[in-house]
């Protein structure tokens, strides 16, 4: 008679436990990691905000370029020059009254 020894299937249990832990880790990393789904959503929102800020800055640069061109030697806008002299230097004409 041969005696057959039965062992509990710890090898298969260990294998599936390792597979489950690895799958859990990679799922967590895919969702919340540095390159995960949530980070991608944050980056897209941040990119949208930065594009809006860039558009505002481009408009401001265009406005400043327009003012600079209007005060250049080639093209002088006397109304703008008068306004800048009043704002920056605090000048007034002799026939004006200042009310504070």
Protein backbone atom coordinates (compact mmCIF):
# COMPACT_ATOMS: atom_id res chain seq x y z
CA UNK A 1 0.00 0.00 0.00
CA UNK A 2 1.16 3.39 -0.83
CA UNK A 3 0.44 6.21 1.41
CA UNK A 4 -0.71 9.27 -0.41
CA UNK A 5 0.02 12.52 1.23
CA UNK A 6 -2.33 15.46 0.61
CA UNK A 7 -1.03 18.95 0.96
CA UNK A 8 -3.21 22.00 1.09
CA UNK A 9 -3.00 24.03 -2.13
CA UNK A 10 -0.99 26.91 -0.67
CA UNK A 11 0.95 27.39 -3.91
CA UNK A 12 -2.17 28.28 -5.92
CA UNK A 13 -3.48 30.47 -3.11
CA UNK A 14 -0.14 32.28 -2.91
CA UNK A 15 -0.07 32.73 -6.71
CA UNK A 16 -3.57 34.25 -6.83
CA UNK A 17 -2.85 36.46 -3.82
CA UNK A 18 0.24 37.87 -5.56
CA UNK A 19 -1.71 38.36 -8.80
CA UNK A 20 -4.49 40.16 -6.92
CA UNK A 21 -2.02 42.47 -5.15
CA UNK A 22 -0.25 43.33 -8.42
CA UNK A 23 -3.54 43.98 -10.19
CA UNK A 24 -4.67 46.19 -7.30
CA UNK A 25 -1.41 48.15 -7.36
CA UNK A 26 -1.50 48.75 -11.11
CA UNK A 27 -5.18 49.73 -10.98
CA UNK A 28 -4.46 52.21 -8.21
CA UNK A 29 -1.47 53.62 -10.12
CA UNK A 30 -3.54 53.93 -13.32
CA UNK A 31 -6.19 55.93 -11.50
CA UNK A 32 -4.28 58.01 -8.93
CA UNK A 33 -0.63 57.84 -9.95
CA UNK A 34 1.54 60.57 -11.44
CA UNK A 35 0.30 59.69 -14.92
CA UNK A 36 -3.14 58.47 -13.88
CA UNK A 37 -6.64 59.45 -14.86
CA UNK A 38 -7.10 62.03 -12.09
CA UNK A 39 -3.77 63.71 -12.83
CA UNK A 40 -4.66 63.86 -16.53
CA UNK A 41 -7.94 65.64 -15.66
CA UNK A 42 -6.04 68.11 -13.44
CA UNK A 43 -3.57 68.81 -16.25
CA UNK A 44 -6.34 69.45 -18.79
CA UNK A 45 -8.08 71.92 -16.45
CA UNK A 46 -4.77 73.63 -15.71
CA UNK A 47 -4.00 73.85 -19.45
CA UNK A 48 -7.41 75.44 -20.07
CA UNK A 49 -6.76 78.05 -17.35
CA UNK A 50 -3.29 78.77 -18.70
CA UNK A 51 -4.68 79.22 -22.24
CA UNK A 52 -7.20 81.75 -20.91
CA UNK A 53 -4.42 83.58 -19.07
CA UNK A 54 -2.27 83.55 -22.23
CA UNK A 55 -5.13 85.04 -24.26
CA UNK A 56 -5.50 87.82 -21.68
CA UNK A 57 -1.77 88.52 -21.73
CA UNK A 58 -1.73 88.57 -25.54
CA UNK A 59 -4.55 91.12 -25.51
CA UNK A 60 -2.61 93.23 -22.99
CA UNK A 61 0.54 93.04 -25.13
CA UNK A 62 -1.44 94.08 -28.22
CA UNK A 63 -2.88 97.04 -26.31
CA UNK A 64 0.58 98.09 -25.10
CA UNK A 65 2.03 97.73 -28.61
CA UNK A 66 -0.78 99.94 -29.93
CA UNK A 67 -0.07 102.61 -27.30
CA UNK A 68 3.67 102.39 -27.98
CA UNK A 69 3.12 102.78 -31.73
CA UNK A 70 0.81 105.76 -31.16
CA UNK A 71 3.52 107.51 -29.12
CA UNK A 72 6.39 106.68 -31.51
CA UNK A 73 8.30 109.16 -33.66
CA UNK A 74 6.69 107.88 -36.86
CA UNK A 75 3.11 108.27 -35.67
CA UNK A 76 2.28 110.63 -32.82
CA UNK A 77 -1.23 110.73 -31.37
CA UNK A 78 -1.52 114.13 -29.70
CA UNK A 79 -4.58 113.17 -27.66
CA UNK A 80 -2.76 110.16 -26.19
CA UNK A 81 0.31 112.30 -25.53
CA UNK A 82 -1.85 114.85 -23.71
CA UNK A 83 -3.52 112.11 -21.65
CA UNK A 84 -0.17 110.53 -20.71
CA UNK A 85 1.29 113.90 -19.73
CA UNK A 86 -1.69 114.54 -17.47
CA UNK A 87 -1.63 111.07 -15.89
CA UNK A 88 2.11 110.60 -15.45
CA UNK A 89 3.39 114.12 -14.91
CA UNK A 90 0.26 115.63 -13.36
CA UNK A 91 0.22 118.51 -15.83
CA UNK A 92 -2.80 120.70 -16.49
CA UNK A 93 -3.44 123.54 -18.89
CA UNK A 94 -3.55 127.10 -17.59
CA UNK A 95 -7.27 127.45 -18.37
CA UNK A 96 -8.33 124.30 -16.43
CA UNK A 97 -9.56 124.05 -12.85
CA UNK A 98 -8.69 121.01 -10.74
CA UNK A 99 -11.42 119.79 -8.40
CA UNK A 100 -10.42 117.39 -5.62
